[in-house]
Each structure stands twice: as structure tokens, then as C-alpha cells.
Amino acid sequence: MCRLAAFALFVFASSVSALEATAQLLFVSGPPTELTIAPPSFAGLDPLPDEDSATRIVWLFSPRRPSKIVVNTVAPGQSFRLFTEARNVFRATGMPEVQLFDGGPGLDFIRDIPRRSFIGAASIYFRAEAPAQLGNSQLYGDDNHTVYFTWTAQ
């Protein structure tokens, strides 16, 4: 029997504005996200993925040039799959869903934040999955991710 695999996501936000005089603010709100991958109903099926979209991201005071927000994760010993996507994006363009890998590079999450705009926002969607061939939490333990959002020039 497959034990549940849980993902605890702790969100951290930072802002980078090396050549800009305008202060930029990036907020991520919502409780820590825990995703539980359920055992399948019938033998031979992959466990059911879990999804969450309770977290929001808000940015204020865009710089004088178009900018973007990138996402990456730190998850030592990552065993399972974690995906994220910006949805219901206001005043920018959300990118298609991306898969996060421990220590991977920052991936485009939100692009085309207009220059000199005052505010923008989006819902953050997370999806976790663990196909049967990846094992389970009983064998590998749970994955714990710290997800980073960085605002930078485009």
C-alpha cells in the first residue's frame, strides 16, 4: 500500500532592482501549502495528484522597464514532481505551468509586467504528483519545498 506523500511549500519573495531608483515590492500571501498525494483506488494505478491555489502574489511599483517574476525551489532530496503556474494574472502575462526541480534555475512565471505600472496580482497554482515508478513517502520521506519568487528585469 502506498503511503501518502506530502509537500510542504513555504513561499519566499524577493525583489531585484539593480539599476532602478523606484522601490519595488513583491508580496506572497496565504498559508503554507501542504499537498497530499492520495493512494489509488485500484492496484496498478498511479496515485492521485493534489492541487492548491490558495496562495496569491501581488507586486507594486514596477520599474521603468518591462520586468518579470521567476520561480524556483530548494527541496533537498526531492523525490516527487511539483508544478506551478500563475493564474488569473492582472496587469501581466502568466506563463504555462512549469515543473520545479531542487536547485533548478529560475523559470519564467509571470512576464510582461508593464513599466511604471502601480499594481499587479495573480493566483499561484501548485500541483504535486508521484507516479508509481517514483516510489512513495514510506520509502523516501516527504518532499519539503521552499519556493522562491524573484522579480527581475525582462
C-alpha atoms as a PDB file:
ATOM      1  CA  MET A   1       0.000   0.000   0.000  1.00  0.00           C
ATOM      2  CA  CYS A   2       1.244   3.428  -0.903  1.00  0.00           C
ATOM      3  CA  ARG A   3       1.794   5.854   1.952  1.00  0.00           C
ATOM      4  CA  LEU A   4       0.763   9.463   1.382  1.00  0.00           C
ATOM      5  CA  ALA A   5       3.377  11.843   0.020  1.00  0.00           C
ATOM      6  CA  ALA A   6       3.072  15.382   1.383  1.00  0.00           C
ATOM      7  CA  PHE A   7       4.634  18.551   0.023  1.00  0.00           C
ATOM      8  CA  ALA A   8       5.069  21.441   2.436  1.00  0.00           C
ATOM      9  CA  LEU A   9       5.582  24.645   0.488  1.00  0.00           C
ATOM     10  CA  PHE A  10       6.962  27.723   2.120  1.00  0.00           C
ATOM     11  CA  VAL A  11       6.914  30.748  -0.105  1.00  0.00           C
ATOM     12  CA  PHE A  12       9.595  33.425  -0.062  1.00  0.00           C
ATOM     13  CA  ALA A  13       9.543  36.571  -2.178  1.00  0.00           C
ATOM     14  CA  SER A  14      12.338  38.891  -3.149  1.00  0.00           C
ATOM     15  CA  SER A  15      12.724  41.863  -5.428  1.00  0.00           C
ATOM     16  CA  VAL A  16      15.691  42.744  -7.595  1.00  0.00           C
ATOM     17  CA  SER A  17      16.084  46.246  -8.990  1.00  0.00           C
ATOM     18  CA  ALA A  18      19.787  46.834  -9.557  1.00  0.00           C
ATOM     19  CA  LEU A  19      19.538  49.838 -11.872  1.00  0.00           C
ATOM     20  CA  GLU A  20      16.197  51.295 -10.821  1.00  0.00           C
ATOM     21  CA  ALA A  21      15.518  54.120  -8.397  1.00  0.00           C
ATOM     22  CA  THR A  22      11.889  53.070  -7.903  1.00  0.00           C
ATOM     23  CA  ALA A  23      11.189  50.834  -4.917  1.00  0.00           C
ATOM     24  CA  GLN A  24       9.605  47.522  -5.899  1.00  0.00           C
ATOM     25  CA  LEU A  25       7.512  45.423  -3.540  1.00  0.00           C
ATOM     26  CA  LEU A  26       6.571  41.771  -4.010  1.00  0.00           C
ATOM     27  CA  PHE A  27       4.170  40.045  -1.614  1.00  0.00           C
ATOM     28  CA  VAL A  28       3.143  36.410  -1.437  1.00  0.00           C
ATOM     29  CA  SER A  29       0.171  35.709   0.829  1.00  0.00           C
ATOM     30  CA  GLY A  30      -1.560  32.599   2.020  1.00  0.00           C
ATOM     31  CA  PRO A  31      -0.919  29.801   4.474  1.00  0.00           C
ATOM     32  CA  PRO A  32       1.903  27.281   3.970  1.00  0.00           C
ATOM     33  CA  THR A  33       0.658  24.859   1.341  1.00  0.00           C
ATOM     34  CA  GLU A  34       0.576  21.134   2.019  1.00  0.00           C
ATOM     35  CA  LEU A  35      -0.242  18.836  -0.863  1.00  0.00           C
ATOM     36  CA  THR A  36      -1.114  15.200  -0.240  1.00  0.00           C
ATOM     37  CA  ILE A  37      -0.898  12.643  -2.997  1.00  0.00           C
ATOM     38  CA  ALA A  38      -3.630  10.063  -2.381  1.00  0.00           C
ATOM     39  CA  PRO A  39      -3.152   6.311  -2.845  1.00  0.00           C
ATOM     40  CA  PRO A  40      -5.015   4.951  -5.883  1.00  0.00           C
ATOM     41  CA  SER A  41      -8.402   3.249  -5.549  1.00  0.00           C
ATOM     42  CA  PHE A  42      -7.284   0.253  -7.589  1.00  0.00           C
ATOM     43  CA  ALA A  43      -3.949  -1.549  -7.734  1.00  0.00           C
ATOM     44  CA  GLY A  44      -1.834  -0.674 -10.748  1.00  0.00           C
ATOM     45  CA  LEU A  45      -2.972   2.969 -10.972  1.00  0.00           C
ATOM     46  CA  ASP A  46      -0.808   5.997 -10.257  1.00  0.00           C
ATOM     47  CA  PRO A  47      -1.590   7.917  -7.050  1.00  0.00           C
ATOM     48  CA  LEU A  48      -3.975  10.846  -7.440  1.00  0.00           C
ATOM     49  CA  PRO A  49      -2.217  14.239  -7.678  1.00  0.00           C
ATOM     50  CA  ASP A  50      -3.145  17.067  -5.332  1.00  0.00           C
ATOM     51  CA  GLU A  51      -3.678  20.726  -6.238  1.00  0.00           C
ATOM     52  CA  ASP A  52      -3.797  24.029  -4.378  1.00  0.00           C
ATOM     53  CA  SER A  53      -4.494  27.605  -5.439  1.00  0.00           C
ATOM     54  CA  ALA A  54      -4.933  29.372  -2.084  1.00  0.00           C
ATOM     55  CA  THR A  55      -1.781  31.491  -2.426  1.00  0.00           C
ATOM     56  CA  ARG A  56      -1.664  34.927  -4.112  1.00  0.00           C
ATOM     57  CA  ILE A  57       1.192  37.051  -5.367  1.00  0.00           C
ATOM     58  CA  VAL A  58       0.996  40.852  -5.573  1.00  0.00           C
ATOM     59  CA  TRP A  59       3.570  43.300  -6.925  1.00  0.00           C
ATOM     60  CA  LEU A  60       3.682  47.068  -6.516  1.00  0.00           C
ATOM     61  CA  PHE A  61       5.604  49.892  -8.226  1.00  0.00           C
ATOM     62  CA  SER A  62       7.031  48.419 -11.424  1.00  0.00           C
ATOM     63  CA  PRO A  63      10.397  49.765 -12.585  1.00  0.00           C
ATOM     64  CA  ARG A  64      10.934  51.932 -15.646  1.00  0.00           C
ATOM     65  CA  ARG A  65      11.300  48.943 -17.960  1.00  0.00           C
ATOM     66  CA  PRO A  66       9.311  45.737 -18.527  1.00  0.00           C
ATOM     67  CA  SER A  67      10.017  43.099 -15.890  1.00  0.00           C
ATOM     68  CA  LYS A  68       9.157  39.529 -14.923  1.00  0.00           C
ATOM     69  CA  ILE A  69       8.886  37.208 -11.941  1.00  0.00           C
ATOM     70  CA  VAL A  70      10.774  33.914 -11.960  1.00  0.00           C
ATOM     71  CA  VAL A  71      10.209  30.899  -9.712  1.00  0.00           C
ATOM     72  CA  ASN A  72      12.492  28.175  -8.401  1.00  0.00           C
ATOM     73  CA  THR A  73      12.618  25.753  -5.481  1.00  0.00           C
ATOM     74  CA  VAL A  74      15.002  24.324  -2.937  1.00  0.00           C
ATOM     75  CA  ALA A  75      13.952  20.802  -1.940  1.00  0.00           C
ATOM     76  CA  PRO A  76      16.919  18.676  -0.821  1.00  0.00           C
ATOM     77  CA  GLY A  77      16.300  15.037  -1.638  1.00  0.00           C
ATOM     78  CA  GLN A  78      13.314  15.800  -3.898  1.00  0.00           C
ATOM     79  CA  SER A  79      11.636  12.525  -4.884  1.00  0.00           C
ATOM     80  CA  PHE A  80       8.352  13.619  -6.432  1.00  0.00           C
ATOM     81  CA  ARG A  81       7.062  16.114  -9.001  1.00  0.00           C
ATOM     82  CA  LEU A  82       5.964  19.655  -8.229  1.00  0.00           C
ATOM     83  CA  PHE A  83       4.412  22.021 -10.794  1.00  0.00           C
ATOM     84  CA  THR A  84       3.332  25.656 -10.501  1.00  0.00           C
ATOM     85  CA  GLU A  85       1.507  28.197 -12.635  1.00  0.00           C
ATOM     86  CA  ALA A  86       0.316  31.810 -12.321  1.00  0.00           C
ATOM     87  CA  ARG A  87      -3.438  32.044 -12.918  1.00  0.00           C
ATOM     88  CA  ASN A  88      -5.891  34.945 -13.104  1.00  0.00           C
ATOM     89  CA  VAL A  89      -2.996  37.294 -13.779  1.00  0.00           C
ATOM     90  CA  PHE A  90      -3.780  41.016 -13.554  1.00  0.00           C
ATOM     91  CA  ARG A  91      -1.528  43.505 -15.425  1.00  0.00           C
ATOM     92  CA  ALA A  92       0.983  40.979 -16.842  1.00  0.00           C
ATOM     93  CA  THR A  93       1.166  37.618 -18.631  1.00  0.00           C
ATOM     94  CA  GLY A  94       1.198  34.283 -16.813  1.00  0.00           C
ATOM     95  CA  MET A  95       3.404  31.568 -18.290  1.00  0.00           C
ATOM     96  CA  PRO A  96       2.277  27.954 -18.831  1.00  0.00           C
ATOM     97  CA  GLU A  97       2.687  25.506 -15.958  1.00  0.00           C
ATOM     98  CA  VAL A  98       6.329  24.714 -15.112  1.00  0.00           C
ATOM     99  CA  GLN A  99       7.876  21.801 -13.227  1.00  0.00           C
ATOM    100  CA  LEU A 100      10.127  22.773 -10.324  1.00  0.00           C
ATOM    101  CA  PHE A 101      13.348  20.889  -9.600  1.00  0.00           C
ATOM    102  CA  ASP A 102      15.510  21.204  -6.489  1.00  0.00           C
ATOM    103  CA  GLY A 103      18.196  23.801  -7.140  1.00  0.00           C
ATOM    104  CA  GLY A 104      17.000  24.380 -10.692  1.00  0.00           C
ATOM    105  CA  PRO A 105      17.299  27.760 -12.391  1.00  0.00           C
ATOM    106  CA  GLY A 106      14.625  30.417 -12.040  1.00  0.00           C
ATOM    107  CA  LEU A 107      11.861  29.710 -14.557  1.00  0.00           C
ATOM    108  CA  ASP A 108       9.654  32.398 -16.067  1.00  0.00           C
ATOM    109  CA  PHE A 109       6.462  32.552 -14.003  1.00  0.00           C
ATOM    110  CA  ILE A 110       4.976  35.949 -14.897  1.00  0.00           C
ATOM    111  CA  ARG A 111       6.236  38.082 -17.811  1.00  0.00           C
ATOM    112  CA  ASP A 112       5.449  41.399 -19.449  1.00  0.00           C
ATOM    113  CA  ILE A 113       4.896  43.376 -16.251  1.00  0.00           C
ATOM    114  CA  PRO A 114       4.446  46.812 -17.800  1.00  0.00           C
ATOM    115  CA  ARG A 115       6.887  49.532 -16.938  1.00  0.00           C
ATOM    116  CA  ARG A 116       5.732  52.061 -14.391  1.00  0.00           C
ATOM    117  CA  SER A 117       2.542  50.191 -13.525  1.00  0.00           C
ATOM    118  CA  PHE A 118       1.353  50.567  -9.945  1.00  0.00           C
ATOM    119  CA  ILE A 119      -0.048  47.130  -9.063  1.00  0.00           C
ATOM    120  CA  GLY A 120      -0.395  43.594 -10.400  1.00  0.00           C
ATOM    121  CA  ALA A 121      -1.540  40.273  -8.958  1.00  0.00           C
ATOM    122  CA  ALA A 122      -2.089  36.577  -9.659  1.00  0.00           C
ATOM    123  CA  SER A 123      -3.190  33.342  -8.014  1.00  0.00           C
ATOM    124  CA  ILE A 124      -0.465  30.750  -7.538  1.00  0.00           C
ATOM    125  CA  TYR A 125      -1.475  27.229  -8.527  1.00  0.00           C
ATOM    126  CA  PHE A 126       0.539  24.240  -7.283  1.00  0.00           C
ATOM    127  CA  ARG A 127       0.183  20.605  -8.373  1.00  0.00           C
ATOM    128  CA  ALA A 128       2.058  17.651  -6.895  1.00  0.00           C
ATOM    129  CA  GLU A 129       2.199  14.172  -8.343  1.00  0.00           C
ATOM    130  CA  ALA A 130       4.060  10.936  -7.699  1.00  0.00           C
ATOM    131  CA  PRO A 131       3.747   8.304 -10.418  1.00  0.00           C
ATOM    132  CA  ALA A 132       4.056   4.782  -9.014  1.00  0.00           C
ATOM    133  CA  GLN A 133       7.529   4.298 -10.509  1.00  0.00           C
ATOM    134  CA  LEU A 134       8.840   7.191  -8.344  1.00  0.00           C
ATOM    135  CA  GLY A 135       8.112   5.305  -5.123  1.00  0.00           C
ATOM    136  CA  ASN A 136       6.317   6.733  -2.103  1.00  0.00           C
ATOM    137  CA  SER A 137       6.852   8.650   1.144  1.00  0.00           C
ATOM    138  CA  GLN A 138       7.340   5.464   3.135  1.00  0.00           C
ATOM    139  CA  LEU A 139      10.460   4.755   1.055  1.00  0.00           C
ATOM    140  CA  TYR A 140      11.757   8.301   0.528  1.00  0.00           C
ATOM    141  CA  GLY A 141      10.045  10.551   3.069  1.00  0.00           C
ATOM    142  CA  ASP A 142       8.052  13.655   2.186  1.00  0.00           C
ATOM    143  CA  ASP A 143       9.334  16.396  -0.115  1.00  0.00           C
ATOM    144  CA  ASN A 144       9.684  19.801   1.544  1.00  0.00           C
ATOM    145  CA  HIS A 145       9.998  22.713  -0.869  1.00  0.00           C
ATOM    146  CA  THR A 146      10.931  26.317  -0.250  1.00  0.00           C
ATOM    147  CA  VAL A 147       9.616  28.128  -3.307  1.00  0.00           C
ATOM    148  CA  TYR A 148      11.284  31.417  -4.291  1.00  0.00           C
ATOM    149  CA  PHE A 149       9.762  34.167  -6.436  1.00  0.00           C
ATOM    150  CA  THR A 150      12.192  36.777  -7.751  1.00  0.00           C
ATOM    151  CA  TRP A 151      11.218  39.975  -9.570  1.00  0.00           C
ATOM    152  CA  THR A 152      13.780  40.958 -12.165  1.00  0.00           C
ATOM    153  CA  ALA A 153      14.254  42.820 -15.438  1.00  0.00           C
ATOM    154  CA  GLN A 154      12.849  41.102 -18.525  1.00  0.00           C
END
